[in-house]
Amino acid sequence: AAHGEWTLQPCACHPCTAAALLGHP
C-alpha cells in the first residue's frame, strides 16, 4: 500500500534513537 515515491529521513523511532545514543550507526 505504501509503494511509490517518497522523501526520507533517518528513523527516529525508539530503538533507532537508543542505538544511535549507544554509538551504533
mmCIF file of all heavy atoms, coordinates in Angstrom:
data_MODEL
# 
_entry.id   MODEL 
# 
loop_
_atom_site.group_PDB 
_atom_site.id 
_atom_site.type_symbol 
_atom_site.label_atom_id 
_atom_site.label_alt_id 
_atom_site.label_comp_id 
_atom_site.label_asym_id 
_atom_site.label_entity_id 
_atom_site.label_seq_id 
_atom_site.pdbx_PDB_ins_code 
_atom_site.Cartn_x 
_atom_site.Cartn_y 
_atom_site.Cartn_z 
_atom_site.occupancy 
_atom_site.B_iso_or_equiv 
_atom_site.pdbx_formal_charge 
_atom_site.auth_seq_id 
_atom_site.auth_comp_id 
_atom_site.auth_asym_id 
_atom_site.auth_atom_id 
_atom_site.pdbx_PDB_model_num 
ATOM 1   N N   . ALA A 1 1  ? 0.817  -1.211 0.000  1.00 0.00 ? 1  ALA A N   1 
ATOM 2   C CA  . ALA A 1 1  ? 0.000  0.000  0.000  1.00 0.00 ? 1  ALA A CA  1 
ATOM 3   C C   . ALA A 1 1  ? 0.854  1.266  0.000  1.00 0.00 ? 1  ALA A C   1 
ATOM 4   O O   . ALA A 1 1  ? 0.408  2.320  -0.439 1.00 0.00 ? 1  ALA A O   1 
ATOM 5   C CB  . ALA A 1 1  ? -0.931 0.005  1.206  1.00 0.00 ? 1  ALA A CB  1 
ATOM 6   N N   . ALA A 1 2  ? 2.089  1.170  0.450  1.00 0.00 ? 2  ALA A N   1 
ATOM 7   C CA  . ALA A 1 2  ? 2.970  2.344  0.528  1.00 0.00 ? 2  ALA A CA  1 
ATOM 8   C C   . ALA A 1 2  ? 3.929  2.440  -0.654 1.00 0.00 ? 2  ALA A C   1 
ATOM 9   O O   . ALA A 1 2  ? 4.738  3.358  -0.709 1.00 0.00 ? 2  ALA A O   1 
ATOM 10  C CB  . ALA A 1 2  ? 3.757  2.318  1.831  1.00 0.00 ? 2  ALA A CB  1 
ATOM 11  N N   . HIS A 1 3  ? 3.839  1.504  -1.591 1.00 0.00 ? 3  HIS A N   1 
ATOM 12  C CA  . HIS A 1 3  ? 4.741  1.555  -2.741 1.00 0.00 ? 3  HIS A CA  1 
ATOM 13  C C   . HIS A 1 3  ? 4.567  2.875  -3.470 1.00 0.00 ? 3  HIS A C   1 
ATOM 14  O O   . HIS A 1 3  ? 3.463  3.369  -3.639 1.00 0.00 ? 3  HIS A O   1 
ATOM 15  C CB  . HIS A 1 3  ? 4.461  0.400  -3.701 1.00 0.00 ? 3  HIS A CB  1 
ATOM 16  C CG  . HIS A 1 3  ? 5.004  -0.898 -3.223 1.00 0.00 ? 3  HIS A CG  1 
ATOM 17  N ND1 . HIS A 1 3  ? 4.987  -2.026 -3.999 1.00 0.00 ? 3  HIS A ND1 1 
ATOM 18  C CD2 . HIS A 1 3  ? 5.596  -1.263 -2.057 1.00 0.00 ? 3  HIS A CD2 1 
ATOM 19  C CE1 . HIS A 1 3  ? 5.530  -3.022 -3.330 1.00 0.00 ? 3  HIS A CE1 1 
ATOM 20  N NE2 . HIS A 1 3  ? 5.903  -2.592 -2.142 1.00 0.00 ? 3  HIS A NE2 1 
ATOM 21  N N   . GLY A 1 4  ? 5.678  3.449  -3.898 1.00 0.00 ? 4  GLY A N   1 
ATOM 22  C CA  . GLY A 1 4  ? 5.630  4.704  -4.644 1.00 0.00 ? 4  GLY A CA  1 
ATOM 23  C C   . GLY A 1 4  ? 6.777  5.605  -4.252 1.00 0.00 ? 4  GLY A C   1 
ATOM 24  O O   . GLY A 1 4  ? 7.752  5.194  -3.618 1.00 0.00 ? 4  GLY A O   1 
ATOM 25  N N   . GLU A 1 5  ? 6.650  6.884  -4.615 1.00 0.00 ? 5  GLU A N   1 
ATOM 26  C CA  . GLU A 1 5  ? 7.718  7.850  -4.390 1.00 0.00 ? 5  GLU A CA  1 
ATOM 27  C C   . GLU A 1 5  ? 7.519  8.628  -3.094 1.00 0.00 ? 5  GLU A C   1 
ATOM 28  O O   . GLU A 1 5  ? 6.424  9.105  -2.809 1.00 0.00 ? 5  GLU A O   1 
ATOM 29  C CB  . GLU A 1 5  ? 7.767  8.813  -5.577 1.00 0.00 ? 5  GLU A CB  1 
ATOM 30  C CG  . GLU A 1 5  ? 9.126  9.403  -5.780 1.00 0.00 ? 5  GLU A CG  1 
ATOM 31  C CD  . GLU A 1 5  ? 9.242  10.139 -7.098 1.00 0.00 ? 5  GLU A CD  1 
ATOM 32  O OE1 . GLU A 1 5  ? 9.240  9.482  -8.148 1.00 0.00 ? 5  GLU A OE1 1 
ATOM 33  O OE2 . GLU A 1 5  ? 9.336  11.374 -7.049 1.00 0.00 ? 5  GLU A OE2 1 
ATOM 34  N N   . TRP A 1 6  ? 8.616  8.755  -2.320 1.00 0.00 ? 6  TRP A N   1 
ATOM 35  C CA  . TRP A 1 6  ? 8.617  9.446  -1.032 1.00 0.00 ? 6  TRP A CA  1 
ATOM 36  C C   . TRP A 1 6  ? 9.927  10.207 -0.878 1.00 0.00 ? 6  TRP A C   1 
ATOM 37  O O   . TRP A 1 6  ? 10.854 10.010 -1.668 1.00 0.00 ? 6  TRP A O   1 
ATOM 38  C CB  . TRP A 1 6  ? 8.507  8.437  0.118  1.00 0.00 ? 6  TRP A CB  1 
ATOM 39  C CG  . TRP A 1 6  ? 7.284  7.593  0.074  1.00 0.00 ? 6  TRP A CG  1 
ATOM 40  C CD1 . TRP A 1 6  ? 7.151  6.372  -0.530 1.00 0.00 ? 6  TRP A CD1 1 
ATOM 41  C CD2 . TRP A 1 6  ? 6.016  7.895  0.628  1.00 0.00 ? 6  TRP A CD2 1 
ATOM 42  N NE1 . TRP A 1 6  ? 5.877  5.904  -0.371 1.00 0.00 ? 6  TRP A NE1 1 
ATOM 43  C CE2 . TRP A 1 6  ? 5.149  6.824  0.344  1.00 0.00 ? 6  TRP A CE2 1 
ATOM 44  C CE3 . TRP A 1 6  ? 5.503  8.961  1.357  1.00 0.00 ? 6  TRP A CE3 1 
ATOM 45  C CZ2 . TRP A 1 6  ? 3.827  6.784  0.744  1.00 0.00 ? 6  TRP A CZ2 1 
ATOM 46  C CZ3 . TRP A 1 6  ? 4.185  8.928  1.758  1.00 0.00 ? 6  TRP A CZ3 1 
ATOM 47  C CH2 . TRP A 1 6  ? 3.361  7.851  1.452  1.00 0.00 ? 6  TRP A CH2 1 
ATOM 48  N N   . THR A 1 7  ? 10.021 11.005 0.156  1.00 0.00 ? 7  THR A N   1 
ATOM 49  C CA  . THR A 1 7  ? 11.322 11.502 0.604  1.00 0.00 ? 7  THR A CA  1 
ATOM 50  C C   . THR A 1 7  ? 11.601 10.780 1.915  1.00 0.00 ? 7  THR A C   1 
ATOM 51  O O   . THR A 1 7  ? 10.686 10.237 2.529  1.00 0.00 ? 7  THR A O   1 
ATOM 52  C CB  . THR A 1 7  ? 11.337 13.033 0.820  1.00 0.00 ? 7  THR A CB  1 
ATOM 53  O OG1 . THR A 1 7  ? 10.381 13.373 1.803  1.00 0.00 ? 7  THR A OG1 1 
ATOM 54  C CG2 . THR A 1 7  ? 11.062 13.774 -0.469 1.00 0.00 ? 7  THR A CG2 1 
ATOM 55  N N   . LEU A 1 8  ? 12.847 10.773 2.329  1.00 0.00 ? 8  LEU A N   1 
ATOM 56  C CA  . LEU A 1 8  ? 13.130 10.041 3.561  1.00 0.00 ? 8  LEU A CA  1 
ATOM 57  C C   . LEU A 1 8  ? 13.957 10.854 4.537  1.00 0.00 ? 8  LEU A C   1 
ATOM 58  O O   . LEU A 1 8  ? 14.586 11.837 4.182  1.00 0.00 ? 8  LEU A O   1 
ATOM 59  C CB  . LEU A 1 8  ? 13.798 8.699  3.266  1.00 0.00 ? 8  LEU A CB  1 
ATOM 60  C CG  . LEU A 1 8  ? 15.073 8.647  2.437  1.00 0.00 ? 8  LEU A CG  1 
ATOM 61  C CD1 . LEU A 1 8  ? 16.287 9.030  3.235  1.00 0.00 ? 8  LEU A CD1 1 
ATOM 62  C CD2 . LEU A 1 8  ? 15.244 7.257  1.899  1.00 0.00 ? 8  LEU A CD2 1 
ATOM 63  N N   . GLN A 1 9  ? 13.894 10.407 5.778  1.00 0.00 ? 9  GLN A N   1 
ATOM 64  C CA  . GLN A 1 9  ? 14.647 10.977 6.894  1.00 0.00 ? 9  GLN A CA  1 
ATOM 65  C C   . GLN A 1 9  ? 15.207 9.785  7.677  1.00 0.00 ? 9  GLN A C   1 
ATOM 66  O O   . GLN A 1 9  ? 14.653 8.695  7.618  1.00 0.00 ? 9  GLN A O   1 
ATOM 67  C CB  . GLN A 1 9  ? 13.734 11.783 7.832  1.00 0.00 ? 9  GLN A CB  1 
ATOM 68  C CG  . GLN A 1 9  ? 13.011 12.939 7.184  1.00 0.00 ? 9  GLN A CG  1 
ATOM 69  C CD  . GLN A 1 9  ? 13.944 14.090 6.891  1.00 0.00 ? 9  GLN A CD  1 
ATOM 70  O OE1 . GLN A 1 9  ? 14.950 14.282 7.551  1.00 0.00 ? 9  GLN A OE1 1 
ATOM 71  N NE2 . GLN A 1 9  ? 13.606 14.854 5.871  1.00 0.00 ? 9  GLN A NE2 1 
ATOM 72  N N   . PRO A 1 10 ? 16.282 9.972  8.432  1.00 0.00 ? 10 PRO A N   1 
ATOM 73  C CA  . PRO A 1 10 ? 16.731 8.883  9.298  1.00 0.00 ? 10 PRO A CA  1 
ATOM 74  C C   . PRO A 1 10 ? 15.632 8.547  10.306 1.00 0.00 ? 10 PRO A C   1 
ATOM 75  O O   . PRO A 1 10 ? 14.908 9.419  10.759 1.00 0.00 ? 10 PRO A O   1 
ATOM 76  C CB  . PRO A 1 10 ? 17.955 9.474  10.015 1.00 0.00 ? 10 PRO A CB  1 
ATOM 77  C CG  . PRO A 1 10 ? 18.397 10.605 9.154  1.00 0.00 ? 10 PRO A CG  1 
ATOM 78  C CD  . PRO A 1 10 ? 17.167 11.132 8.492  1.00 0.00 ? 10 PRO A CD  1 
ATOM 79  N N   . CYS A 1 11 ? 15.498 7.286  10.599 1.00 0.00 ? 11 CYS A N   1 
ATOM 80  C CA  . CYS A 1 11 ? 14.449 6.837  11.521 1.00 0.00 ? 11 CYS A CA  1 
ATOM 81  C C   . CYS A 1 11 ? 14.706 7.373  12.930 1.00 0.00 ? 11 CYS A C   1 
ATOM 82  O O   . CYS A 1 11 ? 15.820 7.314  13.444 1.00 0.00 ? 11 CYS A O   1 
ATOM 83  C CB  . CYS A 1 11 ? 14.389 5.318  11.545 1.00 0.00 ? 11 CYS A CB  1 
ATOM 84  S SG  . CYS A 1 11 ? 13.006 4.680  12.516 1.00 0.00 ? 11 CYS A SG  1 
ATOM 85  N N   . ALA A 1 12 ? 13.628 7.883  13.549 1.00 0.00 ? 12 ALA A N   1 
ATOM 86  C CA  . ALA A 1 12 ? 13.734 8.424  14.905 1.00 0.00 ? 12 ALA A CA  1 
ATOM 87  C C   . ALA A 1 12 ? 12.887 7.623  15.888 1.00 0.00 ? 12 ALA A C   1 
ATOM 88  O O   . ALA A 1 12 ? 12.555 8.116  16.968 1.00 0.00 ? 12 ALA A O   1 
ATOM 89  C CB  . ALA A 1 12 ? 13.302 9.887  14.911 1.00 0.00 ? 12 ALA A CB  1 
ATOM 90  N N   . CYS A 1 13 ? 12.565 6.358  15.530 1.00 0.00 ? 13 CYS A N   1 
ATOM 91  C CA  . CYS A 1 13 ? 11.796 5.530  16.457 1.00 0.00 ? 13 CYS A CA  1 
ATOM 92  C C   . CYS A 1 13 ? 12.659 5.230  17.696 1.00 0.00 ? 13 CYS A C   1 
ATOM 93  O O   . CYS A 1 13 ? 13.867 5.458  17.700 1.00 0.00 ? 13 CYS A O   1 
ATOM 94  C CB  . CYS A 1 13 ? 11.332 4.247  15.772 1.00 0.00 ? 13 CYS A CB  1 
ATOM 95  S SG  . CYS A 1 13 ? 12.643 3.062  15.446 1.00 0.00 ? 13 CYS A SG  1 
ATOM 96  N N   . HIS A 1 14 ? 12.037 4.709  18.730 1.00 0.00 ? 14 HIS A N   1 
ATOM 97  C CA  . HIS A 1 14 ? 12.750 4.463  19.996 1.00 0.00 ? 14 HIS A CA  1 
ATOM 98  C C   . HIS A 1 14 ? 13.962 3.550  19.831 1.00 0.00 ? 14 HIS A C   1 
ATOM 99  O O   . HIS A 1 14 ? 15.064 3.894  20.290 1.00 0.00 ? 14 HIS A O   1 
ATOM 100 C CB  . HIS A 1 14 ? 11.780 3.924  21.051 1.00 0.00 ? 14 HIS A CB  1 
ATOM 101 C CG  . HIS A 1 14 ? 12.425 3.709  22.384 1.00 0.00 ? 14 HIS A CG  1 
ATOM 102 N ND1 . HIS A 1 14 ? 12.910 4.741  23.155 1.00 0.00 ? 14 HIS A ND1 1 
ATOM 103 C CD2 . HIS A 1 14 ? 12.715 2.559  23.051 1.00 0.00 ? 14 HIS A CD2 1 
ATOM 104 C CE1 . HIS A 1 14 ? 13.451 4.250  24.244 1.00 0.00 ? 14 HIS A CE1 1 
ATOM 105 N NE2 . HIS A 1 14 ? 13.345 2.923  24.217 1.00 0.00 ? 14 HIS A NE2 1 
ATOM 106 N N   . PRO A 1 15 ? 13.839 2.367  19.179 1.00 0.00 ? 15 PRO A N   1 
ATOM 107 C CA  . PRO A 1 15 ? 15.027 1.502  19.046 1.00 0.00 ? 15 PRO A CA  1 
ATOM 108 C C   . PRO A 1 15 ? 16.168 2.166  18.250 1.00 0.00 ? 15 PRO A C   1 
ATOM 109 O O   . PRO A 1 15 ? 17.335 2.019  18.608 1.00 0.00 ? 15 PRO A O   1 
ATOM 110 C CB  . PRO A 1 15 ? 14.500 0.265  18.310 1.00 0.00 ? 15 PRO A CB  1 
ATOM 111 C CG  . PRO A 1 15 ? 13.037 0.260  18.576 1.00 0.00 ? 15 PRO A CG  1 
ATOM 112 C CD  . PRO A 1 15 ? 12.631 1.693  18.697 1.00 0.00 ? 15 PRO A CD  1 
ATOM 113 N N   . CYS A 1 16 ? 15.830 2.906  17.199 1.00 0.00 ? 16 CYS A N   1 
ATOM 114 C CA  . CYS A 1 16 ? 16.875 3.557  16.393 1.00 0.00 ? 16 CYS A CA  1 
ATOM 115 C C   . CYS A 1 16 ? 17.557 4.678  17.170 1.00 0.00 ? 16 CYS A C   1 
ATOM 116 O O   . CYS A 1 16 ? 18.772 4.841  17.105 1.00 0.00 ? 16 CYS A O   1 
ATOM 117 C CB  . CYS A 1 16 ? 16.290 4.095  15.091 1.00 0.00 ? 16 CYS A CB  1 
ATOM 118 S SG  . CYS A 1 16 ? 15.853 2.793  13.921 1.00 0.00 ? 16 CYS A SG  1 
ATOM 119 N N   . THR A 1 17 ? 16.765 5.451  17.915 1.00 0.00 ? 17 THR A N   1 
ATOM 120 C CA  . THR A 1 17 ? 17.329 6.524  18.723 1.00 0.00 ? 17 THR A CA  1 
ATOM 121 C C   . THR A 1 17 ? 18.239 5.958  19.808 1.00 0.00 ? 17 THR A C   1 
ATOM 122 O O   . THR A 1 17 ? 19.341 6.461  20.041 1.00 0.00 ? 17 THR A O   1 
ATOM 123 C CB  . THR A 1 17 ? 16.210 7.370  19.351 1.00 0.00 ? 17 THR A CB  1 
ATOM 124 O OG1 . THR A 1 17 ? 15.382 7.885  18.303 1.00 0.00 ? 17 THR A OG1 1 
ATOM 125 C CG2 . THR A 1 17 ? 16.766 8.524  20.147 1.00 0.00 ? 17 THR A CG2 1 
ATOM 126 N N   . ALA A 1 18 ? 17.796 4.879  20.466 1.00 0.00 ? 18 ALA A N   1 
ATOM 127 C CA  . ALA A 1 18 ? 18.614 4.252  21.512 1.00 0.00 ? 18 ALA A CA  1 
ATOM 128 C C   . ALA A 1 18 ? 19.918 3.710  20.924 1.00 0.00 ? 18 ALA A C   1 
ATOM 129 O O   . ALA A 1 18 ? 20.990 3.866  21.515 1.00 0.00 ? 18 ALA A O   1 
ATOM 130 C CB  . ALA A 1 18 ? 17.824 3.141  22.190 1.00 0.00 ? 18 ALA A CB  1 
ATOM 131 N N   . ALA A 1 19 ? 19.838 3.091  19.740 1.00 0.00 ? 19 ALA A N   1 
ATOM 132 C CA  . ALA A 1 19 ? 21.045 2.552  19.101 1.00 0.00 ? 19 ALA A CA  1 
ATOM 133 C C   . ALA A 1 19 ? 22.016 3.681  18.761 1.00 0.00 ? 19 ALA A C   1 
ATOM 134 O O   . ALA A 1 19 ? 23.232 3.544  18.961 1.00 0.00 ? 19 ALA A O   1 
ATOM 135 C CB  . ALA A 1 19 ? 20.678 1.774  17.848 1.00 0.00 ? 19 ALA A CB  1 
ATOM 136 N N   . ALA A 1 20 ? 21.483 4.802  18.274 1.00 0.00 ? 20 ALA A N   1 
ATOM 137 C CA  . ALA A 1 20 ? 22.341 5.947  17.937 1.00 0.00 ? 20 ALA A CA  1 
ATOM 138 C C   . ALA A 1 20 ? 23.030 6.498  19.187 1.00 0.00 ? 20 ALA A C   1 
ATOM 139 O O   . ALA A 1 20 ? 24.199 6.870  19.155 1.00 0.00 ? 20 ALA A O   1 
ATOM 140 C CB  . ALA A 1 20 ? 21.532 7.037  17.252 1.00 0.00 ? 20 ALA A CB  1 
ATOM 141 N N   . LEU A 1 21 ? 22.301 6.524  20.302 1.00 0.00 ? 21 LEU A N   1 
ATOM 142 C CA  . LEU A 1 21 ? 22.890 7.016  21.547 1.00 0.00 ? 21 LEU A CA  1 
ATOM 143 C C   . LEU A 1 21 ? 24.001 6.092  22.049 1.00 0.00 ? 21 LEU A C   1 
ATOM 144 O O   . LEU A 1 21 ? 24.907 6.529  22.751 1.00 0.00 ? 21 LEU A O   1 
ATOM 145 C CB  . LEU A 1 21 ? 21.817 7.187  22.616 1.00 0.00 ? 21 LEU A CB  1 
ATOM 146 C CG  . LEU A 1 21 ? 20.831 8.332  22.370 1.00 0.00 ? 21 LEU A CG  1 
ATOM 147 C CD1 . LEU A 1 21 ? 19.705 8.295  23.398 1.00 0.00 ? 21 LEU A CD1 1 
ATOM 148 C CD2 . LEU A 1 21 ? 21.541 9.673  22.394 1.00 0.00 ? 21 LEU A CD2 1 
ATOM 149 N N   . LEU A 1 22 ? 23.924 4.807  21.704 1.00 0.00 ? 22 LEU A N   1 
ATOM 150 C CA  . LEU A 1 22 ? 24.958 3.850  22.090 1.00 0.00 ? 22 LEU A CA  1 
ATOM 151 C C   . LEU A 1 22 ? 26.123 3.834  21.098 1.00 0.00 ? 22 LEU A C   1 
ATOM 152 O O   . LEU A 1 22 ? 27.065 3.049  21.260 1.00 0.00 ? 22 LEU A O   1 
ATOM 153 C CB  . LEU A 1 22 ? 24.361 2.450  22.211 1.00 0.00 ? 22 LEU A CB  1 
ATOM 154 C CG  . LEU A 1 22 ? 23.364 2.260  23.355 1.00 0.00 ? 22 LEU A CG  1 
ATOM 155 C CD1 . LEU A 1 22 ? 22.707 0.884  23.265 1.00 0.00 ? 22 LEU A CD1 1 
ATOM 156 C CD2 . LEU A 1 22 ? 24.076 2.423  24.699 1.00 0.00 ? 22 LEU A CD2 1 
ATOM 157 N N   . GLY A 1 23 ? 26.037 4.656  20.046 1.00 0.00 ? 23 GLY A N   1 
ATOM 158 C CA  . GLY A 1 23 ? 27.134 4.746  19.087 1.00 0.00 ? 23 GLY A CA  1 
ATOM 159 C C   . GLY A 1 23 ? 27.006 3.867  17.871 1.00 0.00 ? 23 GLY A C   1 
ATOM 160 O O   . GLY A 1 23 ? 27.917 3.789  17.056 1.00 0.00 ? 23 GLY A O   1 
ATOM 161 N N   . HIS A 1 24 ? 25.885 3.169  17.711 1.00 0.00 ? 24 HIS A N   1 
ATOM 162 C CA  . HIS A 1 24 ? 25.679 2.331  16.533 1.00 0.00 ? 24 HIS A CA  1 
ATOM 163 C C   . HIS A 1 24 ? 25.168 3.188  15.383 1.00 0.00 ? 24 HIS A C   1 
ATOM 164 O O   . HIS A 1 24 ? 24.389 4.116  15.598 1.00 0.00 ? 24 HIS A O   1 
ATOM 165 C CB  . HIS A 1 24 ? 24.667 1.216  16.819 1.00 0.00 ? 24 HIS A CB  1 
ATOM 166 C CG  . HIS A 1 24 ? 25.100 0.299  17.911 1.00 0.00 ? 24 HIS A CG  1 
ATOM 167 N ND1 . HIS A 1 24 ? 26.115 -0.610 17.750 1.00 0.00 ? 24 HIS A ND1 1 
ATOM 168 C CD2 . HIS A 1 24 ? 24.671 0.163  19.197 1.00 0.00 ? 24 HIS A CD2 1 
ATOM 169 C CE1 . HIS A 1 24 ? 26.282 -1.279 18.885 1.00 0.00 ? 24 HIS A CE1 1 
ATOM 170 N NE2 . HIS A 1 24 ? 25.422 -0.821 19.781 1.00 0.00 ? 24 HIS A NE2 1 
ATOM 171 N N   . PRO A 1 25 ? 25.569 2.892  14.150 1.00 0.00 ? 25 PRO A N   1 
ATOM 172 C CA  . PRO A 1 25 ? 25.064 3.689  13.031 1.00 0.00 ? 25 PRO A CA  1 
ATOM 173 C C   . PRO A 1 25 ? 23.577 3.431  12.813 1.00 0.00 ? 25 PRO A C   1 
ATOM 174 O O   . PRO A 1 25 ? 23.105 2.306  12.976 1.00 0.00 ? 25 PRO A O   1 
ATOM 175 C CB  . PRO A 1 25 ? 25.885 3.197  11.834 1.00 0.00 ? 25 PRO A CB  1 
ATOM 176 C CG  . PRO A 1 25 ? 26.376 1.852  12.218 1.00 0.00 ? 25 PRO A CG  1 
ATOM 177 C CD  . PRO A 1 25 ? 26.499 1.849  13.719 1.00 0.00 ? 25 PRO A CD  1 
# 
